[in-house]
Amino acid sequence: MAQRKTSSRIEVPSYLRTAEVADILHVSPKTVSRWAKEGKLPFLKTLGGHRRYPEAKIRELANNLREEPTG
């Protein structure tokens, strides 16, 4: 009997640099850093001390900010 291999691909989340987040959110990199310090943006710190932001969460936030308020 031949066994079928199942493609169990592990999705590794991608992370963005501060400048990339600034471009997506249309703000300055300093604003991104300030928001991260204030707890407004999720991030991880690299071993070198740089912030990396989860791409999925940042894009979700950008989409939410683009939506027009109803009312």
N, C-alpha and C. Protein backbone atom coordinates (compact mmCIF):
# COMPACT_ATOMS: atom_id res chain seq x y z
N MET A 1 0.84 -1.19 0.00
CA MET A 1 0.00 0.00 0.00
C MET A 1 0.89 1.25 0.00
N ALA A 2 0.61 2.13 -0.90
CA ALA A 2 1.39 3.37 -0.96
C ALA A 2 0.79 4.40 -0.01
N GLN A 3 1.64 5.06 0.71
CA GLN A 3 1.16 6.10 1.62
C GLN A 3 1.25 7.45 0.94
N ARG A 4 0.22 8.24 1.14
CA ARG A 4 0.21 9.59 0.59
C ARG A 4 0.82 10.54 1.60
N LYS A 5 1.70 11.37 1.12
CA LYS A 5 2.28 12.38 2.01
C LYS A 5 1.32 13.55 2.10
N THR A 6 1.06 13.95 3.30
CA THR A 6 0.24 15.14 3.48
C THR A 6 1.17 16.33 3.61
N SER A 7 0.83 17.35 2.95
CA SER A 7 1.64 18.56 2.96
C SER A 7 1.35 19.33 4.24
N SER A 8 2.14 19.08 5.26
CA SER A 8 1.95 19.80 6.53
C SER A 8 2.95 20.95 6.57
N ARG A 9 2.56 22.00 5.93
CA ARG A 9 3.42 23.18 5.84
C ARG A 9 3.16 24.09 7.03
N ILE A 10 4.19 24.40 7.74
CA ILE A 10 4.05 25.29 8.89
C ILE A 10 4.20 26.72 8.41
N GLU A 11 3.19 27.52 8.69
CA GLU A 11 3.22 28.93 8.30
C GLU A 11 4.00 29.72 9.34
N VAL A 12 5.05 30.34 8.92
CA VAL A 12 5.84 31.19 9.80
C VAL A 12 5.35 32.62 9.62
N PRO A 13 4.93 33.27 10.69
CA PRO A 13 4.44 34.64 10.53
C PRO A 13 5.56 35.56 10.06
N SER A 14 5.20 36.51 9.21
CA SER A 14 6.22 37.45 8.74
C SER A 14 6.14 38.73 9.57
N TYR A 15 7.28 39.35 9.69
CA TYR A 15 7.40 40.56 10.50
C TYR A 15 7.92 41.71 9.66
N LEU A 16 7.51 42.91 10.03
CA LEU A 16 7.87 44.11 9.31
C LEU A 16 8.83 44.96 10.13
N ARG A 17 9.63 45.74 9.43
CA ARG A 17 10.50 46.72 10.08
C ARG A 17 9.70 47.99 10.33
N THR A 18 10.26 48.85 11.17
CA THR A 18 9.58 50.10 11.53
C THR A 18 9.22 50.94 10.31
N ALA A 19 10.15 51.08 9.37
CA ALA A 19 9.90 51.90 8.18
C ALA A 19 8.78 51.31 7.32
N GLU A 20 8.69 49.98 7.26
CA GLU A 20 7.64 49.34 6.48
C GLU A 20 6.27 49.59 7.11
N VAL A 21 6.21 49.53 8.43
CA VAL A 21 4.96 49.81 9.15
C VAL A 21 4.57 51.26 8.93
N ALA A 22 5.55 52.16 8.97
CA ALA A 22 5.28 53.58 8.76
C ALA A 22 4.67 53.82 7.38
N ASP A 23 5.18 53.14 6.36
CA ASP A 23 4.63 53.27 5.01
C ASP A 23 3.20 52.77 4.94
N ILE A 24 2.93 51.65 5.57
CA ILE A 24 1.59 51.06 5.53
C ILE A 24 0.58 51.95 6.24
N LEU A 25 0.98 52.51 7.38
CA LEU A 25 0.06 53.32 8.19
C LEU A 25 0.10 54.81 7.84
N HIS A 26 0.98 55.18 6.90
CA HIS A 26 1.11 56.58 6.47
C HIS A 26 1.44 57.52 7.61
N VAL A 27 2.42 57.10 8.41
CA VAL A 27 2.93 57.92 9.51
C VAL A 27 4.46 57.85 9.44
N SER A 28 5.13 58.62 10.30
CA SER A 28 6.59 58.59 10.32
C SER A 28 7.09 57.40 11.14
N PRO A 29 8.33 56.97 10.88
CA PRO A 29 8.90 55.88 11.70
C PRO A 29 8.95 56.24 13.19
N LYS A 30 9.16 57.51 13.50
CA LYS A 30 9.17 57.91 14.92
C LYS A 30 7.81 57.70 15.56
N THR A 31 6.75 57.95 14.80
CA THR A 31 5.39 57.72 15.32
C THR A 31 5.18 56.24 15.59
N VAL A 32 5.64 55.39 14.68
CA VAL A 32 5.52 53.93 14.87
C VAL A 32 6.25 53.52 16.15
N SER A 33 7.46 54.02 16.34
CA SER A 33 8.23 53.68 17.55
C SER A 33 7.52 54.17 18.81
N ARG A 34 6.98 55.37 18.75
CA ARG A 34 6.26 55.92 19.91
C ARG A 34 5.03 55.08 20.23
N TRP A 35 4.26 54.72 19.19
CA TRP A 35 3.07 53.91 19.41
C TRP A 35 3.43 52.55 20.01
N ALA A 36 4.54 51.99 19.57
CA ALA A 36 4.99 50.70 20.12
C ALA A 36 5.32 50.85 21.60
N LYS A 37 6.06 51.92 21.95
CA LYS A 37 6.41 52.16 23.35
C LYS A 37 5.17 52.36 24.21
N GLU A 38 4.14 52.99 23.63
CA GLU A 38 2.90 53.26 24.36
C GLU A 38 1.98 52.04 24.42
N GLY A 39 2.37 50.96 23.76
CA GLY A 39 1.57 49.74 23.78
C GLY A 39 0.45 49.71 22.75
N LYS A 40 0.48 50.63 21.80
CA LYS A 40 -0.59 50.71 20.79
C LYS A 40 -0.34 49.76 19.61
N LEU A 41 0.90 49.31 19.43
CA LEU A 41 1.23 48.39 18.35
C LEU A 41 1.95 47.17 18.92
N PRO A 42 1.57 45.98 18.45
CA PRO A 42 2.26 44.77 18.92
C PRO A 42 3.63 44.67 18.24
N PHE A 43 4.63 44.17 18.97
CA PHE A 43 5.96 44.00 18.37
C PHE A 43 6.75 42.97 19.15
N LEU A 44 7.80 42.50 18.51
CA LEU A 44 8.80 41.65 19.15
C LEU A 44 10.12 42.40 19.06
N LYS A 45 11.02 42.10 19.97
CA LYS A 45 12.36 42.69 19.88
C LYS A 45 13.32 41.61 19.42
N THR A 46 14.19 41.97 18.48
CA THR A 46 15.22 41.04 18.02
C THR A 46 16.33 40.98 19.07
N LEU A 47 17.24 40.05 18.88
CA LEU A 47 18.37 39.95 19.80
C LEU A 47 19.20 41.23 19.77
N GLY A 48 19.19 41.93 18.65
CA GLY A 48 19.92 43.17 18.52
C GLY A 48 19.18 44.38 19.07
N GLY A 49 17.96 44.17 19.56
CA GLY A 49 17.19 45.25 20.17
C GLY A 49 16.29 46.01 19.21
N HIS A 50 16.14 45.52 17.98
CA HIS A 50 15.27 46.18 17.02
C HIS A 50 13.84 45.64 17.14
N ARG A 51 12.88 46.50 16.87
CA ARG A 51 11.48 46.07 16.92
C ARG A 51 11.08 45.46 15.58
N ARG A 52 10.29 44.40 15.65
CA ARG A 52 9.68 43.80 14.46
C ARG A 52 8.20 43.66 14.76
N TYR A 53 7.39 44.01 13.77
CA TYR A 53 5.94 44.08 13.94
C TYR A 53 5.28 42.97 13.13
N PRO A 54 4.31 42.25 13.71
CA PRO A 54 3.63 41.17 12.97
C PRO A 54 2.83 41.74 11.80
N GLU A 55 3.18 41.30 10.60
CA GLU A 55 2.57 41.86 9.38
C GLU A 55 1.05 41.72 9.36
N ALA A 56 0.55 40.56 9.76
CA ALA A 56 -0.90 40.33 9.71
C ALA A 56 -1.64 41.33 10.60
N LYS A 57 -1.13 41.58 11.79
CA LYS A 57 -1.79 42.51 12.72
C LYS A 57 -1.72 43.95 12.21
N ILE A 58 -0.59 44.33 11.63
CA ILE A 58 -0.43 45.69 11.12
C ILE A 58 -1.36 45.92 9.94
N ARG A 59 -1.44 44.95 9.04
CA ARG A 59 -2.33 45.10 7.87
C ARG A 59 -3.79 45.13 8.31
N GLU A 60 -4.14 44.33 9.33
CA GLU A 60 -5.50 44.35 9.87
C GLU A 60 -5.82 45.73 10.45
N LEU A 61 -4.89 46.28 11.19
CA LEU A 61 -5.06 47.62 11.75
C LEU A 61 -5.22 48.66 10.65
N ALA A 62 -4.39 48.57 9.61
CA ALA A 62 -4.47 49.51 8.49
C ALA A 62 -5.82 49.42 7.80
N ASN A 63 -6.33 48.20 7.62
CA ASN A 63 -7.65 48.03 7.00
C ASN A 63 -8.75 48.62 7.86
N ASN A 64 -8.65 48.43 9.18
CA ASN A 64 -9.65 48.98 10.09
C ASN A 64 -9.62 50.51 10.07
N LEU A 65 -8.43 51.09 9.95
CA LEU A 65 -8.32 52.54 9.94
C LEU A 65 -8.87 53.15 8.64
N ARG A 66 -8.81 52.36 7.55
CA ARG A 66 -9.30 52.85 6.26
C ARG A 66 -10.81 52.85 6.16
N GLU A 67 -11.47 52.02 6.97
CA GLU A 67 -12.93 51.92 6.90
C GLU A 67 -13.56 53.24 7.36
N GLU A 68 -14.53 53.67 6.61
CA GLU A 68 -15.23 54.90 6.95
C GLU A 68 -16.19 54.64 8.10
N PRO A 69 -16.23 55.53 9.10
CA PRO A 69 -17.21 55.35 10.17
C PRO A 69 -18.62 55.58 9.64
N THR A 70 -19.54 54.78 10.10
CA THR A 70 -20.93 54.93 9.66
C THR A 70 -21.65 55.83 10.66
N GLY A 71 -22.56 56.62 10.12
CA GLY A 71 -23.35 57.41 11.04
C GLY A 71 -23.46 58.78 10.67
